[in-house]
Amino acid sequence: MTNHLHLIANCNEPFELKNTIRDFKRHTVKQVLFQIINEPESRREWILELLKQNGENFQANQKIKFWQSGNHAIELYSEKFVWDKINYIHNNPVEADFVSKPEHWLYSSASNYLDGTGILDEVFCLPRMQQTVK
């Protein structure tokens, strides 16, 4: 999406998900800042000033602020619920009228699930749910 992301994440003990998300945010902001500073971009100064203002307006008074504070973690308690969330994530840009098909959203795992050709190499695709016959 244009102003947020949806992410299904897991970590194994002794690691905690809150620390994994914190580290993910820390790593991505460093990479984004590196790109902004080192790549030719006409909006570079505007973006850096905006991030600086966000930091100044934040009560912790950081030099810059890229991510919003917190996250909206939801425990994925069943295979069906996981697939509900995967489908929600994939359909989010369609519902927002950005694309007509989920796999057309460039930074979505939908194309990874469709035919394995997504640009996101780091995606681990879950196997499809087994259909139960009654």
Protein backbone atom coordinates (compact mmCIF):
# COMPACT_ATOMS: atom_id res chain seq x y z
CA MET A 1 0.00 0.00 0.00
CA THR A 2 1.11 3.57 -0.35
CA ASN A 3 1.33 4.46 3.34
CA HIS A 4 1.51 1.15 5.21
CA LEU A 5 2.37 -2.47 4.80
CA HIS A 6 0.85 -5.76 5.80
CA LEU A 7 3.22 -8.44 6.98
CA ILE A 8 2.80 -11.96 8.25
CA ALA A 9 5.77 -12.72 10.44
CA ASN A 10 6.90 -15.43 12.79
CA CYS A 11 9.91 -16.00 14.98
CA ASN A 12 11.13 -18.95 16.96
CA GLU A 13 11.93 -19.00 20.66
CA PRO A 14 13.81 -17.48 22.37
CA PHE A 15 13.08 -14.53 20.06
CA GLU A 16 9.99 -12.37 20.57
CA LEU A 17 7.88 -11.01 17.73
CA LYS A 18 7.94 -7.45 19.12
CA ASN A 19 11.74 -7.47 18.92
CA THR A 20 11.70 -8.97 15.43
CA ILE A 21 9.34 -6.21 14.24
CA ARG A 22 11.51 -3.57 15.94
CA ASP A 23 14.61 -4.95 14.19
CA PHE A 24 12.75 -5.11 10.86
CA LYS A 25 11.76 -1.45 11.20
CA ARG A 26 15.30 -0.46 12.19
CA HIS A 27 16.83 -2.33 9.25
CA THR A 28 14.36 -1.03 6.66
CA VAL A 29 14.68 2.61 7.72
CA LYS A 30 18.48 2.37 7.45
CA GLN A 31 18.15 0.93 3.95
CA VAL A 32 15.56 3.50 2.85
CA LEU A 33 17.67 6.38 4.19
CA PHE A 34 20.74 5.00 2.43
CA GLN A 35 18.80 4.92 -0.85
CA ILE A 36 17.38 8.42 -0.36
CA ILE A 37 20.79 9.89 0.46
CA ASN A 38 22.82 8.03 -2.17
CA GLU A 39 20.51 7.75 -5.17
CA PRO A 40 19.68 10.68 -7.46
CA GLU A 41 16.17 11.64 -6.49
CA SER A 42 14.51 14.97 -7.19
CA ARG A 43 12.48 14.80 -3.97
CA ARG A 44 15.42 13.93 -1.72
CA GLU A 45 15.53 17.19 0.24
CA TRP A 46 11.75 17.25 0.65
CA ILE A 47 11.66 13.67 1.95
CA LEU A 48 14.56 14.20 4.37
CA GLU A 49 12.96 17.39 5.72
CA LEU A 50 9.65 15.58 6.23
CA LEU A 51 11.36 12.75 8.14
CA LYS A 52 13.23 15.30 10.24
CA GLN A 53 10.00 17.16 11.08
CA ASN A 54 8.36 13.85 12.01
CA GLY A 55 11.24 13.20 14.43
CA GLU A 56 11.01 16.67 15.97
CA ASN A 57 7.26 16.31 16.46
CA PHE A 58 7.62 12.90 18.11
CA GLN A 59 7.80 12.98 21.91
CA ALA A 60 11.03 10.93 21.94
CA ASN A 61 12.51 13.74 19.78
CA GLN A 62 14.35 11.55 17.31
CA LYS A 63 16.52 12.98 14.53
CA ILE A 64 14.14 11.42 12.02
CA LYS A 65 10.98 9.33 12.16
CA PHE A 66 10.10 7.02 9.30
CA TRP A 67 7.73 4.46 10.80
CA GLN A 68 4.63 5.18 12.83
CA SER A 69 4.92 3.99 16.40
CA GLY A 70 3.52 0.58 17.26
CA ASN A 71 1.89 -2.02 15.09
CA HIS A 72 -1.39 -3.88 14.88
CA ALA A 73 -0.36 -7.46 15.61
CA ILE A 74 -3.00 -10.16 15.32
CA GLU A 75 -2.39 -13.72 16.45
CA LEU A 76 -2.96 -16.15 13.60
CA TYR A 77 -4.61 -19.00 15.47
CA SER A 78 -5.70 -21.38 12.71
CA GLU A 79 -4.79 -22.33 9.16
CA LYS A 80 -8.08 -20.90 7.87
CA PHE A 81 -7.49 -17.61 9.68
CA VAL A 82 -3.97 -17.40 8.19
CA TRP A 83 -5.44 -17.84 4.71
CA ASP A 84 -8.13 -15.25 5.46
CA LYS A 85 -5.34 -12.78 6.29
CA ILE A 86 -3.22 -13.73 3.25
CA ASN A 87 -6.24 -13.19 0.99
CA TYR A 88 -7.04 -9.90 2.74
CA ILE A 89 -3.46 -8.69 2.24
CA HIS A 90 -3.44 -9.73 -1.42
CA ASN A 91 -6.80 -8.09 -2.11
CA ASN A 92 -6.06 -4.86 -0.22
CA PRO A 93 -4.66 -2.96 -3.28
CA VAL A 94 -7.58 -4.24 -5.39
CA GLU A 95 -10.10 -2.97 -2.84
CA ALA A 96 -8.30 0.40 -2.87
CA ASP A 97 -8.66 0.48 -6.71
CA PHE A 98 -4.90 0.62 -7.26
CA VAL A 99 -4.87 -2.55 -9.41
CA SER A 100 -7.44 -4.86 -10.95
CA LYS A 101 -5.78 -8.11 -9.82
CA PRO A 102 -3.78 -8.82 -6.64
CA GLU A 103 -0.74 -10.09 -8.56
CA HIS A 104 -0.48 -6.73 -10.36
CA TRP A 105 0.56 -4.95 -7.14
CA LEU A 106 4.34 -4.84 -7.57
CA TYR A 107 5.38 -5.36 -3.95
CA SER A 108 2.81 -8.02 -3.11
CA SER A 109 3.42 -11.69 -2.50
CA ALA A 110 0.31 -12.44 -4.60
CA SER A 111 2.43 -13.14 -7.69
CA ASN A 112 4.68 -15.41 -5.62
CA TYR A 113 1.59 -17.42 -4.68
CA LEU A 114 0.18 -17.34 -8.22
CA ASP A 115 3.17 -18.59 -10.18
CA GLY A 116 6.30 -18.09 -8.07
CA THR A 117 7.56 -15.13 -10.13
CA GLY A 118 7.25 -12.30 -7.64
CA ILE A 119 10.01 -9.74 -7.15
CA LEU A 120 10.07 -10.51 -3.43
CA ASP A 121 12.58 -13.33 -3.08
CA GLU A 122 12.14 -13.48 0.69
CA VAL A 123 8.54 -14.69 0.54
CA PHE A 124 7.83 -18.09 2.03
CA CYS A 125 4.60 -19.29 0.42
CA LEU A 126 2.42 -21.46 2.59
CA PRO A 127 1.02 -24.60 1.00
CA ARG A 128 -2.64 -24.38 0.06
CA MET A 129 -5.14 -25.58 2.65
CA GLN A 130 -6.34 -29.12 2.31
CA GLN A 131 -10.04 -29.23 1.48
CA THR A 132 -11.98 -31.41 3.86
CA VAL A 133 -14.82 -33.46 2.42
CA LYS A 134 -17.80 -34.22 4.66
